[in-house]
Amino acid sequence: LVHPGDSLRLSCSASGLIFPSHVMGWFRQAPGKTREFVAAINGRGSNT
């Protein structure tokens, strides 16, 4: 829980896969709404 204007950092720890061979993405879903794309990053982290 945060207040408007605040900042937050989310982390995603991955295991069981070759991490650099996977695109990583973030999605979000609010109550009563469909899942929404937020951001994605390529394997090397050079493109977003």
All heavy atoms as atom14 arrays in JSON, in Angstrom:
{
  "sequence": "LVHPGDSLRLSCSASGLIFPSHVMGWFRQAPGKTREFVAAINGRGSNT",
  "atom14_mask": [
    [1, 1, 1, 1, 1, 1, 1, 1, 0, 0, 0, 0, 0, 0],
    [1, 1, 1, 1, 1, 1, 1, 0, 0, 0, 0, 0, 0, 0],
    [1, 1, 1, 1, 1, 1, 1, 1, 1, 1, 0, 0, 0, 0],
    [1, 1, 1, 1, 1, 1, 1, 0, 0, 0, 0, 0, 0, 0],
    [1, 1, 1, 1, 0, 0, 0, 0, 0, 0, 0, 0, 0, 0],
    [1, 1, 1, 1, 1, 1, 1, 1, 0, 0, 0, 0, 0, 0],
    [1, 1, 1, 1, 1, 1, 0, 0, 0, 0, 0, 0, 0, 0],
    [1, 1, 1, 1, 1, 1, 1, 1, 0, 0, 0, 0, 0, 0],
    [1, 1, 1, 1, 1, 1, 1, 1, 1, 1, 1, 0, 0, 0],
    [1, 1, 1, 1, 1, 1, 1, 1, 0, 0, 0, 0, 0, 0],
    [1, 1, 1, 1, 1, 1, 0, 0, 0, 0, 0, 0, 0, 0],
    [1, 1, 1, 1, 1, 1, 0, 0, 0, 0, 0, 0, 0, 0],
    [1, 1, 1, 1, 1, 1, 0, 0, 0, 0, 0, 0, 0, 0],
    [1, 1, 1, 1, 1, 0, 0, 0, 0, 0, 0, 0, 0, 0],
    [1, 1, 1, 1, 1, 1, 0, 0, 0, 0, 0, 0, 0, 0],
    [1, 1, 1, 1, 0, 0, 0, 0, 0, 0, 0, 0, 0, 0],
    [1, 1, 1, 1, 1, 1, 1, 1, 0, 0, 0, 0, 0, 0],
    [1, 1, 1, 1, 1, 1, 1, 1, 0, 0, 0, 0, 0, 0],
    [1, 1, 1, 1, 1, 1, 1, 1, 1, 1, 1, 0, 0, 0],
    [1, 1, 1, 1, 1, 1, 1, 0, 0, 0, 0, 0, 0, 0],
    [1, 1, 1, 1, 1, 1, 0, 0, 0, 0, 0, 0, 0, 0],
    [1, 1, 1, 1, 1, 1, 1, 1, 1, 1, 0, 0, 0, 0],
    [1, 1, 1, 1, 1, 1, 1, 0, 0, 0, 0, 0, 0, 0],
    [1, 1, 1, 1, 1, 1, 1, 1, 0, 0, 0, 0, 0, 0],
    [1, 1, 1, 1, 0, 0, 0, 0, 0, 0, 0, 0, 0, 0],
    [1, 1, 1, 1, 1, 1, 1, 1, 1, 1, 1, 1, 1, 1],
    [1, 1, 1, 1, 1, 1, 1, 1, 1, 1, 1, 0, 0, 0],
    [1, 1, 1, 1, 1, 1, 1, 1, 1, 1, 1, 0, 0, 0],
    [1, 1, 1, 1, 1, 1, 1, 1, 1, 0, 0, 0, 0, 0],
    [1, 1, 1, 1, 1, 0, 0, 0, 0, 0, 0, 0, 0, 0],
    [1, 1, 1, 1, 1, 1, 1, 0, 0, 0, 0, 0, 0, 0],
    [1, 1, 1, 1, 0, 0, 0, 0, 0, 0, 0, 0, 0, 0],
    [1, 1, 1, 1, 1, 1, 1, 1, 1, 0, 0, 0, 0, 0],
    [1, 1, 1, 1, 1, 1, 1, 0, 0, 0, 0, 0, 0, 0],
    [1, 1, 1, 1, 1, 1, 1, 1, 1, 1, 1, 0, 0, 0],
    [1, 1, 1, 1, 1, 1, 1, 1, 1, 0, 0, 0, 0, 0],
    [1, 1, 1, 1, 1, 1, 1, 1, 1, 1, 1, 0, 0, 0],
    [1, 1, 1, 1, 1, 1, 1, 0, 0, 0, 0, 0, 0, 0],
    [1, 1, 1, 1, 1, 0, 0, 0, 0, 0, 0, 0, 0, 0],
    [1, 1, 1, 1, 1, 0, 0, 0, 0, 0, 0, 0, 0, 0],
    [1, 1, 1, 1, 1, 1, 1, 1, 0, 0, 0, 0, 0, 0],
    [1, 1, 1, 1, 1, 1, 1, 1, 0, 0, 0, 0, 0, 0],
    [1, 1, 1, 1, 0, 0, 0, 0, 0, 0, 0, 0, 0, 0],
    [1, 1, 1, 1, 1, 1, 1, 1, 1, 1, 1, 0, 0, 0],
    [1, 1, 1, 1, 0, 0, 0, 0, 0, 0, 0, 0, 0, 0],
    [1, 1, 1, 1, 1, 1, 0, 0, 0, 0, 0, 0, 0, 0],
    [1, 1, 1, 1, 1, 1, 1, 1, 0, 0, 0, 0, 0, 0],
    [1, 1, 1, 1, 1, 1, 1, 0, 0, 0, 0, 0, 0, 0]
  ],
  "atom14_positions": [
    [[0.84, -1.19, 0.0], [0.0, 0.0, 0.0], [0.88, 1.24, 0.0], [1.77, 1.38, 0.85], [-0.91, 0.0, 1.23], [-1.74, 1.26, 1.47], [-2.76, 1.45, 0.37], [-2.41, 1.2, 2.83], [0.0, 0.0, 0.0], [0.0, 0.0, 0.0], [0.0, 0.0, 0.0], [0.0, 0.0, 0.0], [0.0, 0.0, 0.0], [0.0, 0.0, 0.0]],
    [[0.63, 2.14, -0.96], [1.38, 3.38, -1.05], [0.41, 4.53, -1.31], [-0.76, 4.32, -1.62], [2.44, 3.34, -2.16], [3.5, 2.28, -1.86], [1.8, 3.08, -3.51], [0.0, 0.0, 0.0], [0.0, 0.0, 0.0], [0.0, 0.0, 0.0], [0.0, 0.0, 0.0], [0.0, 0.0, 0.0], [0.0, 0.0, 0.0], [0.0, 0.0, 0.0]],
    [[0.92, 5.76, -1.19], [0.12, 6.95, -1.44], [0.37, 7.49, -2.84], [1.42, 7.24, -3.43], [0.45, 8.03, -0.41], [0.23, 7.6, 1.01], [-0.98, 7.11, 1.45], [1.07, 7.58, 2.08], [-0.88, 6.82, 2.74], [0.34, 7.09, 3.14], [0.0, 0.0, 0.0], [0.0, 0.0, 0.0], [0.0, 0.0, 0.0], [0.0, 0.0, 0.0]],
    [[-0.57, 8.25, -3.39], [-0.34, 8.86, -4.7], [0.95, 9.67, -4.71], [1.24, 10.4, -3.77], [-1.57, 9.76, -4.89], [-2.64, 9.09, -4.1], [-1.93, 8.53, -2.89], [0.0, 0.0, 0.0], [0.0, 0.0, 0.0], [0.0, 0.0, 0.0], [0.0, 0.0, 0.0], [0.0, 0.0, 0.0], [0.0, 0.0, 0.0], [0.0, 0.0, 0.0]],
    [[1.71, 9.52, -5.79], [2.98, 10.2, -5.92], [4.16, 9.41, -5.42], [5.31, 9.77, -5.71], [0.0, 0.0, 0.0], [0.0, 0.0, 0.0], [0.0, 0.0, 0.0], [0.0, 0.0, 0.0], [0.0, 0.0, 0.0], [0.0, 0.0, 0.0], [0.0, 0.0, 0.0], [0.0, 0.0, 0.0], [0.0, 0.0, 0.0], [0.0, 0.0, 0.0]],
    [[3.91, 8.34, -4.7], [4.99, 7.51, -4.17], [5.62, 6.66, -5.27], [5.1, 6.56, -6.38], [4.47, 6.6, -3.07], [4.22, 7.31, -1.77], [4.56, 8.51, -1.65], [3.66, 6.68, -0.84], [0.0, 0.0, 0.0], [0.0, 0.0, 0.0], [0.0, 0.0, 0.0], [0.0, 0.0, 0.0], [0.0, 0.0, 0.0], [0.0, 0.0, 0.0]],
    [[6.73, 6.03, -4.93], [7.43, 5.13, -5.83], [7.51, 3.74, -5.22], [7.42, 3.57, -3.99], [8.84, 5.64, -6.12], [8.81, 6.85, -6.82], [0.0, 0.0, 0.0], [0.0, 0.0, 0.0], [0.0, 0.0, 0.0], [0.0, 0.0, 0.0], [0.0, 0.0, 0.0], [0.0, 0.0, 0.0], [0.0, 0.0, 0.0], [0.0, 0.0, 0.0]],
    [[7.69, 2.76, -6.08], [7.74, 1.38, -5.66], [8.6, 0.6, -6.64], [8.63, 0.93, -7.83], [6.32, 0.8, -5.63], [5.99, -0.41, -4.76], [6.3, -0.12, -3.3], [4.52, -0.75, -4.93], [0.0, 0.0, 0.0], [0.0, 0.0, 0.0], [0.0, 0.0, 0.0], [0.0, 0.0, 0.0], [0.0, 0.0, 0.0], [0.0, 0.0, 0.0]],
    [[9.29, -0.4, -6.17], [10.06, -1.27, -7.04], [9.63, -2.71, -6.84], [9.72, -3.24, -5.74], [11.56, -1.16, -6.77], [12.41, -1.81, -7.86], [13.88, -1.83, -7.48], [14.72, -2.0, -8.66], [16.01, -2.33, -8.62], [16.62, -2.5, -7.46], [16.69, -2.45, -9.75], [0.0, 0.0, 0.0], [0.0, 0.0, 0.0], [0.0, 0.0, 0.0]],
    [[9.16, -3.32, -7.92], [8.76, -4.71, -7.9], [9.88, -5.58, -8.44], [10.6, -5.18, -9.36], [7.5, -4.93, -8.73], [6.29, -4.04, -8.41], [5.12, -4.42, -9.31], [5.91, -4.14, -6.94], [0.0, 0.0, 0.0], [0.0, 0.0, 0.0], [0.0, 0.0, 0.0], [0.0, 0.0, 0.0], [0.0, 0.0, 0.0], [0.0, 0.0, 0.0]],
    [[10.01, -6.77, -7.89], [11.02, -7.72, -8.34], [10.36, -9.01, -8.78], [9.31, -9.39, -8.26], [12.02, -8.01, -7.22], [12.73, -6.86, -6.84], [0.0, 0.0, 0.0], [0.0, 0.0, 0.0], [0.0, 0.0, 0.0], [0.0, 0.0, 0.0], [0.0, 0.0, 0.0], [0.0, 0.0, 0.0], [0.0, 0.0, 0.0], [0.0, 0.0, 0.0]],
    [[10.98, -9.67, -9.73], [10.52, -10.98, -10.21], [11.72, -11.9, -10.25], [12.62, -11.73, -11.09], [9.88, -10.85, -11.59], [9.46, -12.44, -12.36], [0.0, 0.0, 0.0], [0.0, 0.0, 0.0], [0.0, 0.0, 0.0], [0.0, 0.0, 0.0], [0.0, 0.0, 0.0], [0.0, 0.0, 0.0], [0.0, 0.0, 0.0], [0.0, 0.0, 0.0]],
    [[11.75, -12.86, -9.36], [12.83, -13.83, -9.29], [12.45, -15.06, -10.09], [11.4, -15.66, -9.85], [13.11, -14.2, -7.83], [14.12, -15.18, -7.75], [0.0, 0.0, 0.0], [0.0, 0.0, 0.0], [0.0, 0.0, 0.0], [0.0, 0.0, 0.0], [0.0, 0.0, 0.0], [0.0, 0.0, 0.0], [0.0, 0.0, 0.0], [0.0, 0.0, 0.0]],
    [[13.3, -15.45, -11.04], [13.01, -16.57, -11.93], [13.96, -17.73, -11.67], [15.14, -17.54, -11.38], [13.13, -16.13, -13.39], [0.0, 0.0, 0.0], [0.0, 0.0, 0.0], [0.0, 0.0, 0.0], [0.0, 0.0, 0.0], [0.0, 0.0, 0.0], [0.0, 0.0, 0.0], [0.0, 0.0, 0.0], [0.0, 0.0, 0.0], [0.0, 0.0, 0.0]],
    [[13.43, -18.93, -11.81], [14.24, -20.13, -11.67], [13.68, -21.22, -12.58], [12.52, -21.16, -12.99], [14.27, -20.61, -10.22], [12.97, -20.92, -9.75], [0.0, 0.0, 0.0], [0.0, 0.0, 0.0], [0.0, 0.0, 0.0], [0.0, 0.0, 0.0], [0.0, 0.0, 0.0], [0.0, 0.0, 0.0], [0.0, 0.0, 0.0], [0.0, 0.0, 0.0]],
    [[14.51, -22.2, -12.9], [14.07, -23.31, -13.71], [14.04, -23.05, -15.2], [13.47, -23.84, -15.96], [0.0, 0.0, 0.0], [0.0, 0.0, 0.0], [0.0, 0.0, 0.0], [0.0, 0.0, 0.0], [0.0, 0.0, 0.0], [0.0, 0.0, 0.0], [0.0, 0.0, 0.0], [0.0, 0.0, 0.0], [0.0, 0.0, 0.0], [0.0, 0.0, 0.0]],
    [[14.64, -21.96, -15.64], [14.68, -21.62, -17.06], [16.0, -20.93, -17.38], [16.68, -20.44, -16.48], [13.49, -20.75, -17.45], [13.52, -19.25, -17.09], [12.34, -18.54, -17.74], [13.53, -19.01, -15.6], [0.0, 0.0, 0.0], [0.0, 0.0, 0.0], [0.0, 0.0, 0.0], [0.0, 0.0, 0.0], [0.0, 0.0, 0.0], [0.0, 0.0, 0.0]],
    [[16.34, -20.92, -18.66], [17.51, -20.17, -19.11], [17.07, -18.72, -19.23], [16.49, -18.31, -20.24], [18.06, -20.72, -20.43], [18.39, -22.21, -20.3], [19.3, -19.94, -20.86], [18.81, -22.86, -21.59], [0.0, 0.0, 0.0], [0.0, 0.0, 0.0], [0.0, 0.0, 0.0], [0.0, 0.0, 0.0], [0.0, 0.0, 0.0], [0.0, 0.0, 0.0]],
    [[17.32, -17.96, -18.2], [16.76, -16.63, -18.06], [17.03, -15.71, -19.26], [16.1, -15.07, -19.76], [17.24, -16.01, -16.75], [16.56, -14.74, -16.38], [15.23, -14.72, -16.02], [17.26, -13.54, -16.38], [14.59, -13.55, -15.67], [16.64, -12.35, -16.03], [15.3, -12.36, -15.67], [0.0, 0.0, 0.0], [0.0, 0.0, 0.0], [0.0, 0.0, 0.0]],
    [[18.27, -15.62, -19.76], [18.53, -14.71, -20.89], [17.84, -15.11, -22.19], [17.79, -14.3, -23.11], [20.06, -14.76, -21.06], [20.57, -15.28, -19.76], [19.53, -16.24, -19.3], [0.0, 0.0, 0.0], [0.0, 0.0, 0.0], [0.0, 0.0, 0.0], [0.0, 0.0, 0.0], [0.0, 0.0, 0.0], [0.0, 0.0, 0.0], [0.0, 0.0, 0.0]],
    [[17.33, -16.34, -22.27], [16.63, -16.8, -23.47], [15.14, -16.51, -23.42], [14.39, -17.0, -24.27], [16.87, -18.29, -23.67], [18.24, -18.57, -23.9], [0.0, 0.0, 0.0], [0.0, 0.0, 0.0], [0.0, 0.0, 0.0], [0.0, 0.0, 0.0], [0.0, 0.0, 0.0], [0.0, 0.0, 0.0], [0.0, 0.0, 0.0], [0.0, 0.0, 0.0]],
    [[14.72, -15.73, -22.45], [13.31, -15.41, -22.29], [13.08, -13.9, -22.23], [13.82, -13.18, -21.55], [12.76, -16.04, -21.01], [12.59, -17.51, -21.09], [13.65, -18.38, -21.07], [11.47, -18.27, -21.21], [13.21, -19.62, -21.17], [11.89, -19.58, -21.25], [0.0, 0.0, 0.0], [0.0, 0.0, 0.0], [0.0, 0.0, 0.0], [0.0, 0.0, 0.0]],
    [[12.08, -13.46, -22.96], [11.56, -12.11, -22.78], [10.83, -12.08, -21.44], [10.11, -13.01, -21.1], [10.61, -11.73, -23.92], [9.81, -10.47, -23.57], [11.38, -11.52, -25.21], [0.0, 0.0, 0.0], [0.0, 0.0, 0.0], [0.0, 0.0, 0.0], [0.0, 0.0, 0.0], [0.0, 0.0, 0.0], [0.0, 0.0, 0.0], [0.0, 0.0, 0.0]],
    [[11.04, -11.02, -20.69], [10.34, -10.84, -19.43], [9.33, -9.7, -19.57], [9.64, -8.67, -20.17], [11.3, -10.54, -18.3], [12.34, -11.63, -18.05], [11.59, -13.23, -17.64], [10.71, -12.83, -16.12], [0.0, 0.0, 0.0], [0.0, 0.0, 0.0], [0.0, 0.0, 0.0], [0.0, 0.0, 0.0], [0.0, 0.0, 0.0], [0.0, 0.0, 0.0]],
    [[8.16, -9.92, -19.04], [7.11, -8.92, -19.12], [6.42, -8.68, -17.79], [6.48, -9.53, -16.89], [0.0, 0.0, 0.0], [0.0, 0.0, 0.0], [0.0, 0.0, 0.0], [0.0, 0.0, 0.0], [0.0, 0.0, 0.0], [0.0, 0.0, 0.0], [0.0, 0.0, 0.0], [0.0, 0.0, 0.0], [0.0, 0.0, 0.0], [0.0, 0.0, 0.0]],
    [[5.81, -7.53, -17.69], [4.97, -7.2, -16.55], [3.57, -6.88, -17.04], [3.41, -6.12, -18.01], [5.52, -6.02, -15.76], [6.73, -6.33, -14.93], [8.03, -6.16, -15.26], [6.72, -6.87, -13.6], [8.85, -6.55, -14.23], [8.07, -7.0, -13.2], [5.72, -7.26, -12.7], [8.45, -7.5, -11.94], [6.09, -7.76, -11.46], [7.43, -7.87, -11.1]],
    [[2.58, -7.44, -16.39], [1.18, -7.18, -16.66], [0.5, -6.79, -15.35], [1.03, -7.06, -14.27], [0.49, -8.4, -17.26], [0.98, -8.78, -18.63], [2.18, -9.46, -18.79], [0.24, -8.45, -19.75], [2.64, -9.8, -20.05], [0.68, -8.8, -21.02], [1.88, -9.47, -21.17], [0.0, 0.0, 0.0], [0.0, 0.0, 0.0], [0.0, 0.0, 0.0]],
    [[-0.66, -6.19, -15.46], [-1.42, -5.88, -14.26], [-2.9, -6.12, -14.51], [-3.37, -6.06, -15.64], [-1.18, -4.44, -13.8], [-1.71, -3.37, -14.75], [-1.29, -1.98, -14.27], [-1.85, -0.92, -15.09], [-1.58, 0.37, -14.92], [-0.75, 0.75, -13.95], [-2.13, 1.27, -15.73], [0.0, 0.0, 0.0], [0.0, 0.0, 0.0], [0.0, 0.0, 0.0]],
    [[-3.61, -6.39, -13.44], [-5.03, -6.65, -13.54], [-5.74, -6.06, -12.33], [-5.49, -6.46, -11.19], [-5.31, -8.15, -13.63], [-6.75, -8.5, -13.96], [-6.9, -9.94, -14.41], [-6.02, -10.78, -14.21], [-8.02, -10.25, -15.04], [0.0, 0.0, 0.0], [0.0, 0.0, 0.0], [0.0, 0.0, 0.0], [0.0, 0.0, 0.0], [0.0, 0.0, 0.0]],
    [[-6.61, -5.11, -12.6], [-7.42, -4.5, -11.56], [-8.72, -5.28, -11.42], [-9.15, -5.97, -12.35], [-7.71, -3.04, -11.91], [0.0, 0.0, 0.0], [0.0, 0.0, 0.0], [0.0, 0.0, 0.0], [0.0, 0.0, 0.0], [0.0, 0.0, 0.0], [0.0, 0.0, 0.0], [0.0, 0.0, 0.0], [0.0, 0.0, 0.0], [0.0, 0.0, 0.0]],
    [[-9.39, -5.18, -10.27], [-10.64, -5.9, -10.07], [-11.68, -5.58, -11.15], [-11.91, -4.42, -11.46], [-11.12, -5.42, -8.7], [-9.86, -5.03, -7.99], [-8.98, -4.44, -9.06], [0.0, 0.0, 0.0], [0.0, 0.0, 0.0], [0.0, 0.0, 0.0], [0.0, 0.0, 0.0], [0.0, 0.0, 0.0], [0.0, 0.0, 0.0], [0.0, 0.0, 0.0]],
    [[-12.26, -6.62, -11.74], [-13.27, -6.45, -12.75], [-12.75, -6.07, -14.12], [-13.55, -5.81, -15.03], [0.0, 0.0, 0.0], [0.0, 0.0, 0.0], [0.0, 0.0, 0.0], [0.0, 0.0, 0.0], [0.0, 0.0, 0.0], [0.0, 0.0, 0.0], [0.0, 0.0, 0.0], [0.0, 0.0, 0.0], [0.0, 0.0, 0.0], [0.0, 0.0, 0.0]],
    [[-11.44, -6.04, -14.31], [-10.85, -5.67, -15.58], [-9.99, -6.8, -16.12], [-9.6, -7.71, -15.39], [-10.01, -4.4, -15.44], [-10.8, -3.19, -14.97], [-9.93, -1.95, -14.9], [-9.51, -1.49, -16.28], [-8.72, -0.22, -16.23], [0.0, 0.0, 0.0], [0.0, 0.0, 0.0], [0.0, 0.0, 0.0], [0.0, 0.0, 0.0], [0.0, 0.0, 0.0]],
    [[-9.7, -6.73, -17.41], [-8.86, -7.74, -18.04], [-7.39, -7.45, -17.77], [-7.02, -6.34, -17.36], [-9.1, -7.78, -19.56], [-8.87, -6.49, -20.12], [-10.53, -8.2, -19.87], [0.0, 0.0, 0.0], [0.0, 0.0, 0.0], [0.0, 0.0, 0.0], [0.0, 0.0, 0.0], [0.0, 0.0, 0.0], [0.0, 0.0, 0.0], [0.0, 0.0, 0.0]],
    [[-6.57, -8.45, -18.0], [-5.14, -8.29, -17.79], [-4.56, -7.32, -18.81], [-4.8, -7.45, -20.01], [-4.46, -9.65, -17.87], [-3.03, -9.65, -17.37], [-2.57, -11.06, -17.02], [-3.38, -11.64, -15.95], [-3.11, -12.8, -15.37], [-2.06, -13.52, -15.75], [-3.9, -13.26, -14.42], [0.0, 0.0, 0.0], [0.0, 0.0, 0.0], [0.0, 0.0, 0.0]],
    [[-3.77, -6.39, -18.34], [-3.25, -5.3, -19.15], [-1.74, -5.35, -19.24], [-1.05, -5.5, -18.23], [-3.7, -3.96, -18.55], [-3.13, -2.72, -19.24], [-3.4, -1.44, -18.47], [-3.66, -1.53, -17.24], [-3.35, -0.36, -19.07], [0.0, 0.0, 0.0], [0.0, 0.0, 0.0], [0.0, 0.0, 0.0], [0.0, 0.0, 0.0], [0.0, 0.0, 0.0]],
    [[-1.22, -5.2, -20.44], [0.22, -5.14, -20.64], [0.79, -3.88, -20.01], [0.24, -2.79, -20.16], [0.55, -5.16, -22.14], [1.99, -4.89, -22.44], [2.96, -5.86, -22.26], [2.39, -3.65, -22.92], [4.29, -5.61, -22.55], [3.71, -3.38, -23.21], [4.67, -4.37, -23.02], [0.0, 0.0, 0.0], [0.0, 0.0, 0.0], [0.0, 0.0, 0.0]],
    [[1.93, -4.03, -19.34], [2.61, -2.9, -18.72], [3.95, -2.64, -19.39], [4.23, -1.53, -19.84], [2.8, -3.11, -17.21], [3.61, -1.97, -16.61], [1.45, -3.24, -16.52], [0.0, 0.0, 0.0], [0.0, 0.0, 0.0], [0.0, 0.0, 0.0], [0.0, 0.0, 0.0], [0.0, 0.0, 0.0], [0.0, 0.0, 0.0], [0.0, 0.0, 0.0]],
    [[4.8, -3.66, -19.45], [6.14, -3.48, -20.0], [6.76, -4.83, -20.32], [6.37, -5.85, -19.75], [7.03, -2.71, -19.03], [0.0, 0.0, 0.0], [0.0, 0.0, 0.0], [0.0, 0.0, 0.0], [0.0, 0.0, 0.0], [0.0, 0.0, 0.0], [0.0, 0.0, 0.0], [0.0, 0.0, 0.0], [0.0, 0.0, 0.0], [0.0, 0.0, 0.0]],
    [[7.73, -4.82, -21.22], [8.48, -6.03, -21.55], [9.92, -5.65, -21.86], [10.21, -4.51, -22.25], [7.86, -6.76, -22.73], [0.0, 0.0, 0.0], [0.0, 0.0, 0.0], [0.0, 0.0, 0.0], [0.0, 0.0, 0.0], [0.0, 0.0, 0.0], [0.0, 0.0, 0.0], [0.0, 0.0, 0.0], [0.0, 0.0, 0.0], [0.0, 0.0, 0.0]],
    [[10.82, -6.62, -21.71], [12.24, -6.38, -21.95], [12.83, -7.61, -22.62], [12.48, -8.74, -22.3], [12.96, -6.03, -20.63], [14.4, -5.6, -20.89], [12.89, -7.2, -19.64], [15.05, -4.95, -19.66], [0.0, 0.0, 0.0], [0.0, 0.0, 0.0], [0.0, 0.0, 0.0], [0.0, 0.0, 0.0], [0.0, 0.0, 0.0], [0.0, 0.0, 0.0]],
    [[13.74, -7.39, -23.56], [14.33, -8.5, -24.29], [15.38, -9.22, -23.46], [15.7, -8.84, -22.33], [14.9, -8.02, -25.63], [16.18, -7.21, -25.47], [16.41, -6.59, -24.45], [17.02, -7.23, -26.5], [0.0, 0.0, 0.0], [0.0, 0.0, 0.0], [0.0, 0.0, 0.0], [0.0, 0.0, 0.0], [0.0, 0.0, 0.0], [0.0, 0.0, 0.0]],
    [[15.92, -10.29, -24.03], [16.82, -11.17, -23.29], [18.05, -10.49, -22.73], [18.46, -10.78, -21.6], [0.0, 0.0, 0.0], [0.0, 0.0, 0.0], [0.0, 0.0, 0.0], [0.0, 0.0, 0.0], [0.0, 0.0, 0.0], [0.0, 0.0, 0.0], [0.0, 0.0, 0.0], [0.0, 0.0, 0.0], [0.0, 0.0, 0.0], [0.0, 0.0, 0.0]],
    [[18.65, -9.6, -23.5], [19.87, -8.92, -23.07], [19.59, -7.64, -22.29], [20.53, -7.03, -21.76], [20.74, -8.6, -24.27], [21.32, -9.82, -24.96], [22.33, -9.42, -26.01], [22.96, -10.58, -26.64], [23.94, -10.52, -27.5], [24.44, -9.34, -27.85], [24.45, -11.63, -28.02], [0.0, 0.0, 0.0], [0.0, 0.0, 0.0], [0.0, 0.0, 0.0]],
    [[18.34, -7.24, -22.23], [18.0, -6.01, -21.53], [18.3, -4.76, -22.31], [18.34, -3.66, -21.74], [0.0, 0.0, 0.0], [0.0, 0.0, 0.0], [0.0, 0.0, 0.0], [0.0, 0.0, 0.0], [0.0, 0.0, 0.0], [0.0, 0.0, 0.0], [0.0, 0.0, 0.0], [0.0, 0.0, 0.0], [0.0, 0.0, 0.0], [0.0, 0.0, 0.0]],
    [[18.5, -4.89, -23.62], [18.86, -3.75, -24.45], [17.67, -3.06, -25.1], [17.8, -1.94, -25.59], [19.84, -4.19, -25.54], [19.31, -5.27, -26.3], [0.0, 0.0, 0.0], [0.0, 0.0, 0.0], [0.0, 0.0, 0.0], [0.0, 0.0, 0.0], [0.0, 0.0, 0.0], [0.0, 0.0, 0.0], [0.0, 0.0, 0.0], [0.0, 0.0, 0.0]],
    [[16.52, -3.72, -25.12], [15.31, -3.15, -25.7], [14.15, -3.33, -24.74], [14.03, -4.36, -24.07], [14.97, -3.82, -27.03], [15.94, -3.47, -28.12], [16.27, -2.3, -28.32], [16.38, -4.47, -28.86], [0.0, 0.0, 0.0], [0.0, 0.0, 0.0], [0.0, 0.0, 0.0], [0.0, 0.0, 0.0], [0.0, 0.0, 0.0], [0.0, 0.0, 0.0]],
    [[13.29, -2.33, -24.69], [12.1, -2.39, -23.84], [10.88, -1.9, -24.61], [10.99, -1.18, -25.59], [12.26, -1.55, -22.57], [12.42, -0.16, -22.93], [13.47, -1.99, -21.76], [0.0, 0.0, 0.0], [0.0, 0.0, 0.0], [0.0, 0.0, 0.0], [0.0, 0.0, 0.0], [0.0, 0.0, 0.0], [0.0, 0.0, 0.0], [0.0, 0.0, 0.0]]
  ]
}
